[in-house]
Amino acid sequence: MRETSCLSKRGGRLICHAKDPISSGLAIDGFIPAGYFADTGAEVLSMGAGGSTIAITWHLMRKQRGADLPSRIIVSDRSQPRLDEIERIHKDMMSTVEIEYVLADQPEINDEKLAALKPGSLVINATGLGKDAPGSPITDGGVFPKRGIAWDLNYRGDLIFLDQARRQQARQQLQIEDGWTYFLHGWTQVIAEVFDIAIPVSGPNFDEMSRIAIEAAKG
């Protein structure tokens, strides 16, 4: 992954971990059932070629998934160097998944890729737009795929991408997900590693952690 997102100590050693592939995989597997891509032939469009998309695509492209792979993955970004870096990582994986890399310096380019997706496809806002900066990677004219899944990795901010998806939810029969559970997995995976404790990744105790965190955020 070419990154370190967590440092821990064990037996006098300092250990570096890349936790994003694990936390993103837990988040995805929480709202997309096993066998989904094999059954539907769905594609993935991930807008933003940073660490989150690297981790998410790594999880979805692993050989251990067998036939449950996206039929195609499209990665778009405003930066050609970032596209070059994720392409290098993907090549090292030697996956059989078809991947397209798109330089999208205007949201209309993402709109075009969005419109061409197969029904049921997963559309991800991994750009930070809506949280780190205002806006969305698509325009209000972008059309989500029928029965698609819209996933915004953001959970706070103006969340325009989520608003755009909600306006089409009934018409396009969309499943809409925000980034809250991804955020929880990201932090709890690090805490579990650093303090060498077991933290559940689902179930009542995980739900209770979510409730506590939401209440704390309100304060």
Protein backbone atom coordinates (compact mmCIF):
# COMPACT_ATOMS: atom_id res chain seq x y z
CA MET A 1 0.00 0.00 0.00
CA ARG A 2 3.05 2.29 0.33
CA GLU A 3 1.65 3.77 3.56
CA THR A 4 1.69 3.48 7.33
CA SER A 5 -1.53 4.36 9.13
CA CYS A 6 -0.76 2.77 12.52
CA LEU A 7 2.32 2.28 14.72
CA SER A 8 2.41 -0.28 17.52
CA LYS A 9 5.02 -1.91 19.76
CA ARG A 10 5.41 -5.63 20.37
CA GLY A 11 8.33 -7.32 22.12
CA GLY A 12 10.55 -4.27 21.86
CA ARG A 13 9.85 -3.83 18.14
CA LEU A 14 8.16 -0.86 16.46
CA ILE A 15 5.68 -2.21 13.89
CA CYS A 16 4.10 -0.34 10.98
CA HIS A 17 0.65 -1.28 9.69
CA ALA A 18 -1.51 -0.22 6.76
CA LYS A 19 -4.98 -0.56 8.29
CA ASP A 20 -7.05 1.06 5.55
CA PRO A 21 -7.35 -2.11 3.44
CA ILE A 22 -8.78 -3.89 6.49
CA SER A 23 -11.14 -1.13 7.62
CA SER A 24 -12.41 -0.44 4.10
CA GLY A 25 -12.99 -4.15 3.56
CA LEU A 26 -14.97 -4.42 6.79
CA ALA A 27 -17.09 -1.42 5.76
CA ILE A 28 -17.80 -2.76 2.26
CA ASP A 29 -18.57 -6.26 3.46
CA GLY A 30 -21.00 -4.75 5.93
CA PHE A 31 -23.31 -3.36 3.23
CA ILE A 32 -22.53 -5.47 0.14
CA PRO A 33 -23.39 -9.19 0.53
CA ALA A 34 -20.98 -11.95 -0.44
CA GLY A 35 -21.39 -12.97 -4.06
CA TYR A 36 -22.83 -9.61 -5.10
CA PHE A 37 -20.42 -8.89 -7.95
CA ALA A 38 -20.47 -12.46 -9.22
CA ASP A 39 -24.28 -12.43 -9.27
CA THR A 40 -24.81 -8.97 -10.80
CA GLY A 41 -21.77 -8.31 -12.98
CA ALA A 42 -21.63 -4.87 -11.38
CA GLU A 43 -18.79 -2.42 -11.93
CA VAL A 44 -17.08 0.06 -9.59
CA LEU A 45 -16.44 3.75 -10.17
CA SER A 46 -14.21 5.27 -7.49
CA MET A 47 -13.67 9.01 -7.85
CA GLY A 48 -10.42 9.96 -6.17
CA ALA A 49 -7.18 7.94 -6.52
CA GLY A 50 -5.79 8.40 -3.00
CA GLY A 51 -5.19 5.95 -0.18
CA SER A 52 -8.86 5.06 0.32
CA THR A 53 -9.36 4.00 -3.29
CA ILE A 54 -6.08 2.08 -3.23
CA ALA A 55 -7.32 0.18 -0.17
CA ILE A 56 -10.86 -0.36 -1.46
CA THR A 57 -9.79 -1.61 -4.88
CA TRP A 58 -7.16 -3.88 -3.28
CA HIS A 59 -9.92 -5.46 -1.20
CA LEU A 60 -12.24 -5.91 -4.18
CA MET A 61 -9.52 -7.29 -6.48
CA ARG A 62 -8.02 -9.93 -4.16
CA LYS A 63 -7.70 -13.42 -5.64
CA GLN A 64 -9.23 -14.81 -2.44
CA ARG A 65 -12.61 -13.43 -3.59
CA GLY A 66 -12.73 -16.02 -6.36
CA ALA A 67 -15.39 -15.07 -8.93
CA ASP A 68 -16.87 -12.34 -6.70
CA LEU A 69 -14.96 -9.55 -8.47
CA PRO A 70 -16.21 -6.36 -10.12
CA SER A 71 -16.54 -6.80 -13.87
CA ARG A 72 -14.63 -3.52 -14.27
CA ILE A 73 -13.12 -0.86 -12.03
CA ILE A 74 -12.85 2.79 -13.07
CA VAL A 75 -10.64 5.14 -11.06
CA SER A 76 -10.80 8.86 -11.76
CA ASP A 77 -8.77 11.73 -10.32
CA ARG A 78 -7.74 15.28 -11.10
CA SER A 79 -4.05 14.34 -10.69
CA GLN A 80 -2.22 12.24 -13.27
CA PRO A 81 0.62 11.35 -10.82
CA ARG A 82 -1.92 9.89 -8.38
CA LEU A 83 -3.46 7.84 -11.19
CA ASP A 84 0.01 6.64 -12.16
CA GLU A 85 0.72 5.54 -8.58
CA ILE A 86 -2.48 3.55 -8.13
CA GLU A 87 -1.94 1.93 -11.54
CA ARG A 88 1.53 0.83 -10.41
CA ILE A 89 0.07 -0.76 -7.25
CA HIS A 90 -2.66 -2.51 -9.25
CA LYS A 91 -0.10 -3.94 -11.67
CA ASP A 92 1.84 -5.42 -8.76
CA MET A 93 -1.33 -7.29 -7.76
CA MET A 94 -1.55 -8.98 -11.18
CA SER A 95 -5.35 -9.07 -10.92
CA THR A 96 -7.60 -10.18 -13.77
CA VAL A 97 -10.05 -7.29 -13.20
CA GLU A 98 -10.27 -4.77 -16.04
CA ILE A 99 -9.28 -1.32 -14.78
CA GLU A 100 -9.63 2.09 -16.42
CA TYR A 101 -7.81 5.19 -15.18
CA VAL A 102 -9.44 8.51 -16.03
CA LEU A 103 -8.01 11.99 -15.69
CA ALA A 104 -11.09 13.93 -14.61
CA ASP A 105 -10.26 17.59 -14.18
CA GLN A 106 -13.93 18.50 -14.66
CA PRO A 107 -16.93 16.86 -12.94
CA GLU A 108 -18.62 16.38 -16.31
CA ILE A 109 -16.01 13.70 -17.10
CA ASN A 110 -17.13 11.77 -14.02
CA ASP A 111 -20.74 12.25 -15.15
CA GLU A 112 -19.91 10.48 -18.43
CA LYS A 113 -18.35 7.51 -16.64
CA LEU A 114 -21.28 7.40 -14.22
CA ALA A 115 -23.83 7.25 -17.03
CA ALA A 116 -22.07 4.30 -18.69
CA LEU A 117 -22.04 2.02 -15.62
CA LYS A 118 -23.94 -1.26 -15.54
CA PRO A 119 -27.00 -1.60 -13.30
CA GLY A 120 -26.12 -2.39 -9.69
CA SER A 121 -22.70 -0.76 -9.88
CA LEU A 122 -20.92 0.75 -6.87
CA VAL A 123 -20.15 4.50 -7.09
CA ILE A 124 -17.73 5.92 -4.53
CA ASN A 125 -16.92 9.51 -3.63
CA ALA A 126 -13.35 9.12 -2.37
CA THR A 127 -12.31 12.66 -3.29
CA GLY A 128 -12.81 14.44 0.03
CA LEU A 129 -15.20 16.85 -1.71
CA GLY A 130 -18.06 17.47 0.68
CA LYS A 131 -15.78 17.35 3.74
CA ASP A 132 -12.24 18.61 3.09
CA ALA A 133 -13.48 20.99 0.39
CA PRO A 134 -16.96 22.01 -0.75
CA GLY A 135 -18.67 20.38 -3.69
CA SER A 136 -19.03 16.98 -5.31
CA PRO A 137 -17.07 15.06 -7.96
CA ILE A 138 -20.20 14.93 -10.16
CA THR A 139 -22.64 17.59 -11.33
CA ASP A 140 -26.35 17.70 -10.52
CA GLY A 141 -26.87 16.28 -14.01
CA GLY A 142 -24.98 13.05 -13.24
CA VAL A 143 -27.22 9.96 -13.37
CA PHE A 144 -26.55 7.03 -11.04
CA PRO A 145 -26.93 3.47 -12.37
CA LYS A 146 -30.21 1.65 -11.79
CA ARG A 147 -30.16 -0.33 -8.52
CA GLY A 148 -26.72 1.08 -7.89
CA ILE A 149 -24.92 1.70 -4.61
CA ALA A 150 -23.78 5.25 -3.83
CA TRP A 151 -21.08 5.36 -1.15
CA ASP A 152 -19.71 8.65 0.16
CA LEU A 153 -16.62 8.08 2.31
CA ASN A 154 -17.46 11.34 4.08
CA TYR A 155 -19.81 11.37 7.04
CA ARG A 156 -19.63 15.08 7.94
CA GLY A 157 -19.51 18.27 5.92
CA ASP A 158 -21.92 19.53 3.27
CA LEU A 159 -22.19 15.99 1.74
CA ILE A 160 -23.45 17.22 -1.62
CA PHE A 161 -22.72 13.85 -3.27
CA LEU A 162 -25.10 12.15 -0.83
CA ASP A 163 -27.76 14.78 -1.52
CA GLN A 164 -27.40 14.17 -5.26
CA ALA A 165 -27.85 10.43 -4.71
CA ARG A 166 -30.87 10.91 -2.43
CA ARG A 167 -32.66 12.97 -5.07
CA GLN A 168 -32.39 9.96 -7.41
CA GLN A 169 -32.90 7.25 -4.78
CA ALA A 170 -36.50 6.38 -5.60
CA ARG A 171 -36.19 6.74 -9.36
CA GLN A 172 -32.95 4.76 -9.67
CA GLN A 173 -33.64 2.39 -6.74
CA LEU A 174 -30.36 3.32 -5.09
CA GLN A 175 -28.75 1.98 -1.95
CA ILE A 176 -27.03 4.91 -0.22
CA GLU A 177 -24.20 4.64 2.31
CA ASP A 178 -22.17 7.31 4.10
CA GLY A 179 -18.71 7.01 5.63
CA TRP A 180 -19.62 6.67 9.32
CA THR A 181 -19.05 2.91 9.66
CA TYR A 182 -15.84 3.21 7.62
CA PHE A 183 -14.70 5.87 10.08
CA LEU A 184 -15.49 3.62 13.05
CA HIS A 185 -13.63 0.67 11.59
CA GLY A 186 -10.67 2.90 10.79
CA TRP A 187 -10.26 4.05 14.38
CA THR A 188 -11.18 0.81 16.16
CA GLN A 189 -8.76 -1.22 14.03
CA VAL A 190 -5.94 1.13 15.06
CA ILE A 191 -6.96 1.14 18.74
CA ALA A 192 -7.17 -2.65 18.78
CA GLU A 193 -3.67 -2.93 17.34
CA VAL A 194 -1.99 -0.28 19.48
CA PHE A 195 -3.47 -1.49 22.79
CA ASP A 196 -3.48 -5.20 21.80
CA ILE A 197 -7.16 -5.67 22.61
CA ALA A 198 -10.05 -7.34 20.81
CA ILE A 199 -12.70 -4.96 19.44
CA PRO A 200 -15.77 -6.40 17.68
CA VAL A 201 -16.30 -5.48 14.03
CA SER A 202 -20.07 -6.06 14.08
CA GLY A 203 -22.92 -6.94 16.41
CA PRO A 204 -24.40 -5.28 19.53
CA ASN A 205 -21.11 -4.09 21.03
CA PHE A 206 -20.03 -2.47 17.77
CA ASP A 207 -23.44 -0.82 17.48
CA GLU A 208 -23.10 0.48 21.03
CA MET A 209 -19.70 2.01 20.18
CA SER A 210 -21.34 3.74 17.24
CA ARG A 211 -24.09 5.11 19.48
CA ILE A 212 -21.57 6.42 22.02
CA ALA A 213 -19.49 8.05 19.30
CA ILE A 214 -22.56 9.74 17.80
CA GLU A 215 -23.56 11.09 21.21
CA ALA A 216 -20.01 12.33 21.84
CA ALA A 217 -19.98 14.09 18.48
CA LYS A 218 -23.19 15.93 19.37
CA GLY A 219 -21.53 17.26 22.51
